[in-house]
């Protein structure tokens, strides 16, 4: 993945990424700013066009598939809680939009059957939104919006869920709650999930694999057995050693 190719501003954002994500994986991704983490997500979701290689989802080549079509199968949350919802619409209207993903949508009133379904789904969030279906989403707090966005992204179970530092803008208590919700929803629905984080403790606490990225490369892939016995200090040591090894390889090239 190269930006501004052939110019003095050329930057290789992703460099020979070869990644297989297994069904049911919950992968946390760490790396310094500019490592290529968000660009990886943009490439998978179709937000940017890749300059080489392929993106395969459940044995289907989606490399040339538009982002809005991929969104029928790929859920994504962003760092900014303002993204992912329509603030001038109600909670019920936002849920109706997400529920219609990949189907024909009309602006007819939500039926009693679907309203009950939305209420039951909101109850699972345990933040009181089930009693506020007619509330405009723009009036919700950041944590409430992010929890709602998580529900919207998984209301129709996606084949892949991308969590792009989705708790970074939240206070520690709310962040912990949204992370726990993310893990719960992913586990209960067996959703293959990838989560970018800068928090080493969260990288260890959640999921079954850790990827370390630097300079557009995956420089370490820590599997479940190794991960479960690691401390934060161990992870920092692996991160540092992997980075130094990657730097030596770049110097040889």
C-alpha atoms as a PDB file:
ATOM      1  CA  UNK A   1       0.000   0.000   0.000  1.00  0.00           C
ATOM      2  CA  UNK A   2       1.731   3.164  -1.239  1.00  0.00           C
ATOM      3  CA  UNK A   3       0.522   6.762  -0.896  1.00  0.00           C
ATOM      4  CA  UNK A   4       1.639   9.463  -3.374  1.00  0.00           C
ATOM      5  CA  UNK A   5       3.480   6.867  -5.453  1.00  0.00           C
ATOM      6  CA  UNK A   6       6.158   8.282  -7.736  1.00  0.00           C
ATOM      7  CA  UNK A   7       6.359  11.636  -5.940  1.00  0.00           C
ATOM      8  CA  UNK A   8       8.761  13.054  -3.366  1.00  0.00           C
ATOM      9  CA  UNK A   9       6.023  12.457  -0.789  1.00  0.00           C
ATOM     10  CA  UNK A  10       5.814   8.724  -1.543  1.00  0.00           C
ATOM     11  CA  UNK A  11       5.130   6.675   1.587  1.00  0.00           C
ATOM     12  CA  UNK A  12       4.853   2.910   1.863  1.00  0.00           C
ATOM     13  CA  UNK A  13       2.031   2.613   4.406  1.00  0.00           C
ATOM     14  CA  UNK A  14       1.740  -1.189   4.208  1.00  0.00           C
ATOM     15  CA  UNK A  15       4.706  -3.318   3.193  1.00  0.00           C
ATOM     16  CA  UNK A  16       4.144  -6.939   2.067  1.00  0.00           C
ATOM     17  CA  UNK A  17       1.411  -7.694   4.616  1.00  0.00           C
ATOM     18  CA  UNK A  18       0.627 -11.432   4.606  1.00  0.00           C
ATOM     19  CA  UNK A  19      -2.016 -12.035   7.255  1.00  0.00           C
ATOM     20  CA  UNK A  20      -4.479 -14.876   7.727  1.00  0.00           C
ATOM     21  CA  UNK A  21      -7.249 -14.246  10.248  1.00  0.00           C
ATOM     22  CA  UNK A  22      -8.983 -17.394  11.439  1.00  0.00           C
ATOM     23  CA  UNK A  23     -12.722 -17.568  12.021  1.00  0.00           C
ATOM     24  CA  UNK A  24     -13.497 -16.544  15.596  1.00  0.00           C
ATOM     25  CA  UNK A  25     -10.135 -14.847  16.177  1.00  0.00           C
ATOM     26  CA  UNK A  26     -10.057 -11.745  18.386  1.00  0.00           C
ATOM     27  CA  UNK A  27      -6.811 -10.044  17.408  1.00  0.00           C
ATOM     28  CA  UNK A  28      -5.401  -6.994  19.180  1.00  0.00           C
ATOM     29  CA  UNK A  29      -2.990  -4.820  17.194  1.00  0.00           C
ATOM     30  CA  UNK A  30      -0.352  -2.559  18.723  1.00  0.00           C
ATOM     31  CA  UNK A  31       2.284  -0.298  17.234  1.00  0.00           C
ATOM     32  CA  UNK A  32       3.493   3.292  17.357  1.00  0.00           C
ATOM     33  CA  UNK A  33       1.824   6.105  15.427  1.00  0.00           C
ATOM     34  CA  UNK A  34       2.407   5.690  11.695  1.00  0.00           C
ATOM     35  CA  UNK A  35       2.952   1.935  11.979  1.00  0.00           C
ATOM     36  CA  UNK A  36       0.151   1.228   9.483  1.00  0.00           C
ATOM     37  CA  UNK A  37      -2.544  -0.016  11.851  1.00  0.00           C
ATOM     38  CA  UNK A  38      -5.396   2.209  10.677  1.00  0.00           C
ATOM     39  CA  UNK A  39      -4.268   1.916   7.048  1.00  0.00           C
ATOM     40  CA  UNK A  40      -4.605  -1.857   7.421  1.00  0.00           C
ATOM     41  CA  UNK A  41      -8.210  -1.366   8.540  1.00  0.00           C
ATOM     42  CA  UNK A  42      -8.881   1.115   5.745  1.00  0.00           C
ATOM     43  CA  UNK A  43      -7.564  -1.413   3.226  1.00  0.00           C
ATOM     44  CA  UNK A  44      -9.730  -4.200   4.628  1.00  0.00           C
ATOM     45  CA  UNK A  45     -12.869  -2.046   4.800  1.00  0.00           C
ATOM     46  CA  UNK A  46     -12.344  -0.548   1.346  1.00  0.00           C
ATOM     47  CA  UNK A  47     -11.892   3.043   2.544  1.00  0.00           C
ATOM     48  CA  UNK A  48      -8.698   3.177   0.455  1.00  0.00           C
ATOM     49  CA  UNK A  49      -7.715   1.267  -2.671  1.00  0.00           C
ATOM     50  CA  UNK A  50      -4.704  -0.988  -2.227  1.00  0.00           C
ATOM     51  CA  UNK A  51      -1.875  -0.708  -4.748  1.00  0.00           C
ATOM     52  CA  UNK A  52      -1.032  -4.413  -4.730  1.00  0.00           C
ATOM     53  CA  UNK A  53      -2.152  -7.758  -3.376  1.00  0.00           C
ATOM     54  CA  UNK A  54      -5.638  -8.983  -2.512  1.00  0.00           C
ATOM     55  CA  UNK A  55      -8.218  -8.790   0.271  1.00  0.00           C
ATOM     56  CA  UNK A  56     -10.061 -12.083   0.775  1.00  0.00           C
ATOM     57  CA  UNK A  57     -13.094 -12.378   3.064  1.00  0.00           C
ATOM     58  CA  UNK A  58     -14.481 -15.876   3.658  1.00  0.00           C
ATOM     59  CA  UNK A  59     -12.911 -17.155   0.429  1.00  0.00           C
ATOM     60  CA  UNK A  60     -14.361 -14.244  -1.595  1.00  0.00           C
ATOM     61  CA  UNK A  61     -11.995 -11.774  -3.271  1.00  0.00           C
ATOM     62  CA  UNK A  62     -13.289  -8.324  -2.283  1.00  0.00           C
ATOM     63  CA  UNK A  63     -10.257  -6.360  -3.489  1.00  0.00           C
ATOM     64  CA  UNK A  64     -12.298  -4.415  -6.061  1.00  0.00           C
ATOM     65  CA  UNK A  65     -15.511  -4.291  -4.013  1.00  0.00           C
ATOM     66  CA  UNK A  66     -16.708  -0.820  -3.000  1.00  0.00           C
ATOM     67  CA  UNK A  67     -16.626   0.177   0.674  1.00  0.00           C
ATOM     68  CA  UNK A  68     -20.421   0.505   1.002  1.00  0.00           C
ATOM     69  CA  UNK A  69     -20.861  -3.071  -0.243  1.00  0.00           C
ATOM     70  CA  UNK A  70     -18.141  -4.395   2.077  1.00  0.00           C
ATOM     71  CA  UNK A  71     -19.925  -2.670   4.975  1.00  0.00           C
ATOM     72  CA  UNK A  72     -22.712  -5.249   4.645  1.00  0.00           C
ATOM     73  CA  UNK A  73     -20.229  -7.832   5.921  1.00  0.00           C
ATOM     74  CA  UNK A  74     -17.680  -5.732   7.825  1.00  0.00           C
ATOM     75  CA  UNK A  75     -18.567  -3.737  10.951  1.00  0.00           C
ATOM     76  CA  UNK A  76     -16.257  -0.911  11.992  1.00  0.00           C
ATOM     77  CA  UNK A  77     -15.943   1.392  15.002  1.00  0.00           C
ATOM     78  CA  UNK A  78     -13.734   4.470  15.076  1.00  0.00           C
ATOM     79  CA  UNK A  79     -11.895   6.388  17.783  1.00  0.00           C
ATOM     80  CA  UNK A  80     -14.306   9.313  17.448  1.00  0.00           C
ATOM     81  CA  UNK A  81     -17.677   8.485  19.094  1.00  0.00           C
ATOM     82  CA  UNK A  82     -19.324  10.975  16.696  1.00  0.00           C
ATOM     83  CA  UNK A  83     -18.689   8.650  13.767  1.00  0.00           C
ATOM     84  CA  UNK A  84     -20.934   5.711  12.967  1.00  0.00           C
ATOM     85  CA  UNK A  85     -24.284   7.241  13.967  1.00  0.00           C
ATOM     86  CA  UNK A  86     -26.698   9.838  12.573  1.00  0.00           C
ATOM     87  CA  UNK A  87     -26.913  12.447  15.380  1.00  0.00           C
ATOM     88  CA  UNK A  88     -30.143  14.106  14.193  1.00  0.00           C
ATOM     89  CA  UNK A  89     -31.986  10.771  14.137  1.00  0.00           C
ATOM     90  CA  UNK A  90     -33.365   8.873  17.131  1.00  0.00           C
ATOM     91  CA  UNK A  91     -31.863   5.755  18.664  1.00  0.00           C
ATOM     92  CA  UNK A  92     -34.649   3.698  17.110  1.00  0.00           C
ATOM     93  CA  UNK A  93     -34.077   5.225  13.663  1.00  0.00           C
ATOM     94  CA  UNK A  94     -30.328   4.570  13.872  1.00  0.00           C
ATOM     95  CA  UNK A  95     -30.949   0.950  14.843  1.00  0.00           C
ATOM     96  CA  UNK A  96     -33.458   0.567  12.010  1.00  0.00           C
ATOM     97  CA  UNK A  97     -30.854   1.846   9.546  1.00  0.00           C
ATOM     98  CA  UNK A  98     -28.215  -0.581  10.782  1.00  0.00           C
ATOM     99  CA  UNK A  99     -30.701  -3.457  10.853  1.00  0.00           C
ATOM    100  CA  UNK A 100     -31.506  -2.849   7.194  1.00  0.00           C
ATOM    101  CA  UNK A 101     -27.844  -3.099   6.160  1.00  0.00           C
ATOM    102  CA  UNK A 102     -27.665  -4.987   2.893  1.00  0.00           C
ATOM    103  CA  UNK A 103     -31.453  -4.888   2.445  1.00  0.00           C
ATOM    104  CA  UNK A 104     -33.970  -2.520   0.901  1.00  0.00           C
ATOM    105  CA  UNK A 105     -34.728   0.274   3.380  1.00  0.00           C
ATOM    106  CA  UNK A 106     -37.840   2.406   3.636  1.00  0.00           C
ATOM    107  CA  UNK A 107     -38.869   5.110   6.086  1.00  0.00           C
ATOM    108  CA  UNK A 108     -41.992   3.311   7.243  1.00  0.00           C
ATOM    109  CA  UNK A 109     -42.617   3.248  11.026  1.00  0.00           C
ATOM    110  CA  UNK A 110     -40.817   0.499  12.937  1.00  0.00           C
ATOM    111  CA  UNK A 111     -43.168  -2.378  13.732  1.00  0.00           C
ATOM    112  CA  UNK A 112     -43.857  -3.536  17.296  1.00  0.00           C
ATOM    113  CA  UNK A 113     -41.901  -6.725  16.586  1.00  0.00           C
ATOM    114  CA  UNK A 114     -38.718  -4.863  15.635  1.00  0.00           C
ATOM    115  CA  UNK A 115     -39.142  -2.274  18.391  1.00  0.00           C
ATOM    116  CA  UNK A 116     -39.185  -5.105  20.946  1.00  0.00           C
ATOM    117  CA  UNK A 117     -36.091  -6.587  19.285  1.00  0.00           C
ATOM    118  CA  UNK A 118     -34.284  -3.239  19.560  1.00  0.00           C
ATOM    119  CA  UNK A 119     -35.335  -2.849  23.202  1.00  0.00           C
ATOM    120  CA  UNK A 120     -34.052  -6.331  24.075  1.00  0.00           C
ATOM    121  CA  UNK A 121     -30.752  -5.627  22.287  1.00  0.00           C
ATOM    122  CA  UNK A 122     -30.337  -2.295  24.091  1.00  0.00           C
ATOM    123  CA  UNK A 123     -31.010  -3.973  27.447  1.00  0.00           C
ATOM    124  CA  UNK A 124     -27.922  -6.093  26.864  1.00  0.00           C
ATOM    125  CA  UNK A 125     -25.835  -2.904  26.853  1.00  0.00           C
ATOM    126  CA  UNK A 126     -27.070  -2.208  30.401  1.00  0.00           C
ATOM    127  CA  UNK A 127     -26.777   1.578  30.104  1.00  0.00           C
ATOM    128  CA  UNK A 128     -30.469   2.513  30.160  1.00  0.00           C
ATOM    129  CA  UNK A 129     -30.926   3.239  26.456  1.00  0.00           C
ATOM    130  CA  UNK A 130     -33.779   0.753  26.118  1.00  0.00           C
ATOM    131  CA  UNK A 131     -36.051   3.400  27.652  1.00  0.00           C
ATOM    132  CA  UNK A 132     -34.874   6.151  25.306  1.00  0.00           C
ATOM    133  CA  UNK A 133     -35.706   4.898  21.809  1.00  0.00           C
ATOM    134  CA  UNK A 134     -37.080   8.317  20.796  1.00  0.00           C
ATOM    135  CA  UNK A 135     -33.987  10.209  22.007  1.00  0.00           C
ATOM    136  CA  UNK A 136     -31.847  11.957  19.367  1.00  0.00           C
ATOM    137  CA  UNK A 137     -28.458  10.248  19.248  1.00  0.00           C
ATOM    138  CA  UNK A 138     -26.675  13.623  19.196  1.00  0.00           C
ATOM    139  CA  UNK A 139     -27.724  14.195  22.822  1.00  0.00           C
ATOM    140  CA  UNK A 140     -26.008  11.031  24.117  1.00  0.00           C
ATOM    141  CA  UNK A 141     -22.644  10.991  25.891  1.00  0.00           C
ATOM    142  CA  UNK A 142     -19.546   9.727  24.093  1.00  0.00           C
ATOM    143  CA  UNK A 143     -19.664   6.395  25.914  1.00  0.00           C
ATOM    144  CA  UNK A 144     -23.349   5.908  25.185  1.00  0.00           C
ATOM    145  CA  UNK A 145     -22.820   6.687  21.497  1.00  0.00           C
ATOM    146  CA  UNK A 146     -19.889   4.302  21.249  1.00  0.00           C
ATOM    147  CA  UNK A 147     -21.862   1.524  22.930  1.00  0.00           C
ATOM    148  CA  UNK A 148     -24.762   2.209  20.551  1.00  0.00           C
ATOM    149  CA  UNK A 149     -22.387   2.199  17.565  1.00  0.00           C
ATOM    150  CA  UNK A 150     -21.032  -1.162  18.715  1.00  0.00           C
ATOM    151  CA  UNK A 151     -24.571  -2.528  18.839  1.00  0.00           C
ATOM    152  CA  UNK A 152     -25.342  -1.063  15.404  1.00  0.00           C
ATOM    153  CA  UNK A 153     -22.209  -2.633  13.922  1.00  0.00           C
ATOM    154  CA  UNK A 154     -23.204  -6.074  15.230  1.00  0.00           C
ATOM    155  CA  UNK A 155     -27.018  -5.967  15.132  1.00  0.00           C
ATOM    156  CA  UNK A 156     -26.760  -7.845  11.852  1.00  0.00           C
ATOM    157  CA  UNK A 157     -23.859 -10.169  12.675  1.00  0.00           C
ATOM    158  CA  UNK A 158     -20.868  -9.140  10.520  1.00  0.00           C
ATOM    159  CA  UNK A 159     -18.297 -11.559   9.165  1.00  0.00           C
ATOM    160  CA  UNK A 160     -15.581  -9.251  10.512  1.00  0.00           C
ATOM    161  CA  UNK A 161     -15.570  -6.507  13.166  1.00  0.00           C
ATOM    162  CA  UNK A 162     -12.881  -3.795  13.088  1.00  0.00           C
ATOM    163  CA  UNK A 163     -12.370  -1.799  16.288  1.00  0.00           C
ATOM    164  CA  UNK A 164     -10.088   1.161  15.527  1.00  0.00           C
ATOM    165  CA  UNK A 165      -9.037   2.495  18.965  1.00  0.00           C
ATOM    166  CA  UNK A 166     -12.757   2.706  19.695  1.00  0.00           C
ATOM    167  CA  UNK A 167     -12.301   3.535  23.383  1.00  0.00           C
ATOM    168  CA  UNK A 168      -9.395   5.997  23.103  1.00  0.00           C
ATOM    169  CA  UNK A 169     -11.633   9.078  23.441  1.00  0.00           C
ATOM    170  CA  UNK A 170     -13.529   7.744  26.460  1.00  0.00           C
ATOM    171  CA  UNK A 171     -12.799   8.128  30.163  1.00  0.00           C
ATOM    172  CA  UNK A 172     -11.195   5.066  31.841  1.00  0.00           C
ATOM    173  CA  UNK A 173     -14.408   3.786  33.440  1.00  0.00           C
ATOM    174  CA  UNK A 174     -16.478   4.096  30.273  1.00  0.00           C
ATOM    175  CA  UNK A 175     -13.627   2.654  28.208  1.00  0.00           C
ATOM    176  CA  UNK A 176     -13.533  -0.432  30.426  1.00  0.00           C
ATOM    177  CA  UNK A 177     -17.276  -0.931  30.052  1.00  0.00           C
ATOM    178  CA  UNK A 178     -17.246  -0.562  26.239  1.00  0.00           C
ATOM    179  CA  UNK A 179     -14.299  -2.972  25.969  1.00  0.00           C
ATOM    180  CA  UNK A 180     -16.128  -5.540  28.094  1.00  0.00           C
ATOM    181  CA  UNK A 181     -19.212  -5.112  25.883  1.00  0.00           C
ATOM    182  CA  UNK A 182     -17.065  -5.555  22.777  1.00  0.00           C
ATOM    183  CA  UNK A 183     -15.634  -8.817  24.083  1.00  0.00           C
ATOM    184  CA  UNK A 184     -19.054 -10.070  25.210  1.00  0.00           C
ATOM    185  CA  UNK A 185     -20.753  -9.356  21.865  1.00  0.00           C
ATOM    186  CA  UNK A 186     -17.863 -10.822  19.874  1.00  0.00           C
ATOM    187  CA  UNK A 187     -17.822 -14.019  21.961  1.00  0.00           C
ATOM    188  CA  UNK A 188     -21.565 -14.561  22.100  1.00  0.00           C
ATOM    189  CA  UNK A 189     -21.981 -14.069  18.348  1.00  0.00           C
ATOM    190  CA  UNK A 190     -18.678 -15.726  17.390  1.00  0.00           C
ATOM    191  CA  UNK A 191     -17.619 -12.603  15.480  1.00  0.00           C
ATOM    192  CA  UNK A 192     -14.106 -12.519  14.070  1.00  0.00           C
ATOM    193  CA  UNK A 193     -12.649  -9.300  15.500  1.00  0.00           C
ATOM    194  CA  UNK A 194      -9.577  -7.107  15.076  1.00  0.00           C
ATOM    195  CA  UNK A 195      -8.909  -4.317  17.587  1.00  0.00           C
ATOM    196  CA  UNK A 196      -6.283  -1.567  17.452  1.00  0.00           C
ATOM    197  CA  UNK A 197      -5.132  -0.331  20.846  1.00  0.00           C
ATOM    198  CA  UNK A 198      -2.250   1.630  22.379  1.00  0.00           C
ATOM    199  CA  UNK A 199      -2.928   0.098  25.792  1.00  0.00           C
ATOM    200  CA  UNK A 200      -0.620  -2.849  26.464  1.00  0.00           C
ATOM    201  CA  UNK A 201      -2.827  -4.147  29.300  1.00  0.00           C
ATOM    202  CA  UNK A 202      -5.861  -4.190  27.004  1.00  0.00           C
ATOM    203  CA  UNK A 203      -3.826  -5.920  24.290  1.00  0.00           C
ATOM    204  CA  UNK A 204      -3.069  -8.710  26.750  1.00  0.00           C
ATOM    205  CA  UNK A 205      -6.483  -8.841  28.408  1.00  0.00           C
ATOM    206  CA  UNK A 206      -8.587  -9.164  25.271  1.00  0.00           C
ATOM    207  CA  UNK A 207      -8.452 -11.616  22.410  1.00  0.00           C
ATOM    208  CA  UNK A 208      -6.368 -14.626  21.473  1.00  0.00           C
ATOM    209  CA  UNK A 209      -3.635 -13.052  19.296  1.00  0.00           C
ATOM    210  CA  UNK A 210      -1.515  -9.916  19.311  1.00  0.00           C
ATOM    211  CA  UNK A 211      -0.013  -8.359  16.196  1.00  0.00           C
ATOM    212  CA  UNK A 212       2.829  -5.845  16.516  1.00  0.00           C
ATOM    213  CA  UNK A 213       3.210  -3.448  13.574  1.00  0.00           C
ATOM    214  CA  UNK A 214       5.992  -1.090  12.569  1.00  0.00           C
ATOM    215  CA  UNK A 215       6.770   0.746   9.319  1.00  0.00           C
ATOM    216  CA  UNK A 216       3.835  -0.873   7.556  1.00  0.00           C
ATOM    217  CA  UNK A 217       4.934  -4.403   8.465  1.00  0.00           C
ATOM    218  CA  UNK A 218       3.665  -7.025  10.897  1.00  0.00           C
ATOM    219  CA  UNK A 219       6.852  -7.642  12.867  1.00  0.00           C
ATOM    220  CA  UNK A 220       5.429 -10.056  15.435  1.00  0.00           C
ATOM    221  CA  UNK A 221       2.388 -12.349  15.680  1.00  0.00           C
ATOM    222  CA  UNK A 222       1.910 -13.568  19.244  1.00  0.00           C
ATOM    223  CA  UNK A 223      -0.364 -16.597  19.470  1.00  0.00           C
ATOM    224  CA  UNK A 224      -2.705 -17.525  22.310  1.00  0.00           C
ATOM    225  CA  UNK A 225      -0.439 -19.934  24.223  1.00  0.00           C
ATOM    226  CA  UNK A 226       2.431 -17.445  24.355  1.00  0.00           C
ATOM    227  CA  UNK A 227       0.112 -14.511  25.052  1.00  0.00           C
ATOM    228  CA  UNK A 228      -1.668 -16.025  28.063  1.00  0.00           C
ATOM    229  CA  UNK A 229       1.588 -16.254  30.054  1.00  0.00           C
ATOM    230  CA  UNK A 230       2.841 -12.756  29.209  1.00  0.00           C
ATOM    231  CA  UNK A 231       2.981  -9.716  31.477  1.00  0.00           C
ATOM    232  CA  UNK A 232       2.931  -6.109  30.275  1.00  0.00           C
ATOM    233  CA  UNK A 233       6.708  -6.029  30.784  1.00  0.00           C
ATOM    234  CA  UNK A 234       7.078  -9.147  28.620  1.00  0.00           C
ATOM    235  CA  UNK A 235       4.996  -7.556  25.858  1.00  0.00           C
ATOM    236  CA  UNK A 236       7.009  -4.339  25.975  1.00  0.00           C
ATOM    237  CA  UNK A 237      10.199  -6.410  25.729  1.00  0.00           C
ATOM    238  CA  UNK A 238       8.889  -8.331  22.699  1.00  0.00           C
ATOM    239  CA  UNK A 239       7.753  -5.040  21.135  1.00  0.00           C
ATOM    240  CA  UNK A 240      11.201  -3.498  21.640  1.00  0.00           C
ATOM    241  CA  UNK A 241      13.109  -6.552  20.407  1.00  0.00           C
ATOM    242  CA  UNK A 242      10.874  -6.954  17.369  1.00  0.00           C
ATOM    243  CA  UNK A 243      11.302  -3.266  16.506  1.00  0.00           C
ATOM    244  CA  UNK A 244      15.087  -3.476  16.796  1.00  0.00           C
ATOM    245  CA  UNK A 245      15.129  -6.588  14.603  1.00  0.00           C
ATOM    246  CA  UNK A 246      12.948  -4.839  12.017  1.00  0.00           C
ATOM    247  CA  UNK A 247      15.288  -1.830  12.029  1.00  0.00           C
ATOM    248  CA  UNK A 248      18.292  -4.098  11.372  1.00  0.00           C
ATOM    249  CA  UNK A 249      16.458  -5.747   8.468  1.00  0.00           C
ATOM    250  CA  UNK A 250      15.652  -2.325   6.974  1.00  0.00           C
ATOM    251  CA  UNK A 251      19.312  -1.315   7.221  1.00  0.00           C
ATOM    252  CA  UNK A 252      20.358  -4.486   5.351  1.00  0.00           C
ATOM    253  CA  UNK A 253      17.915  -3.613   2.583  1.00  0.00           C
END
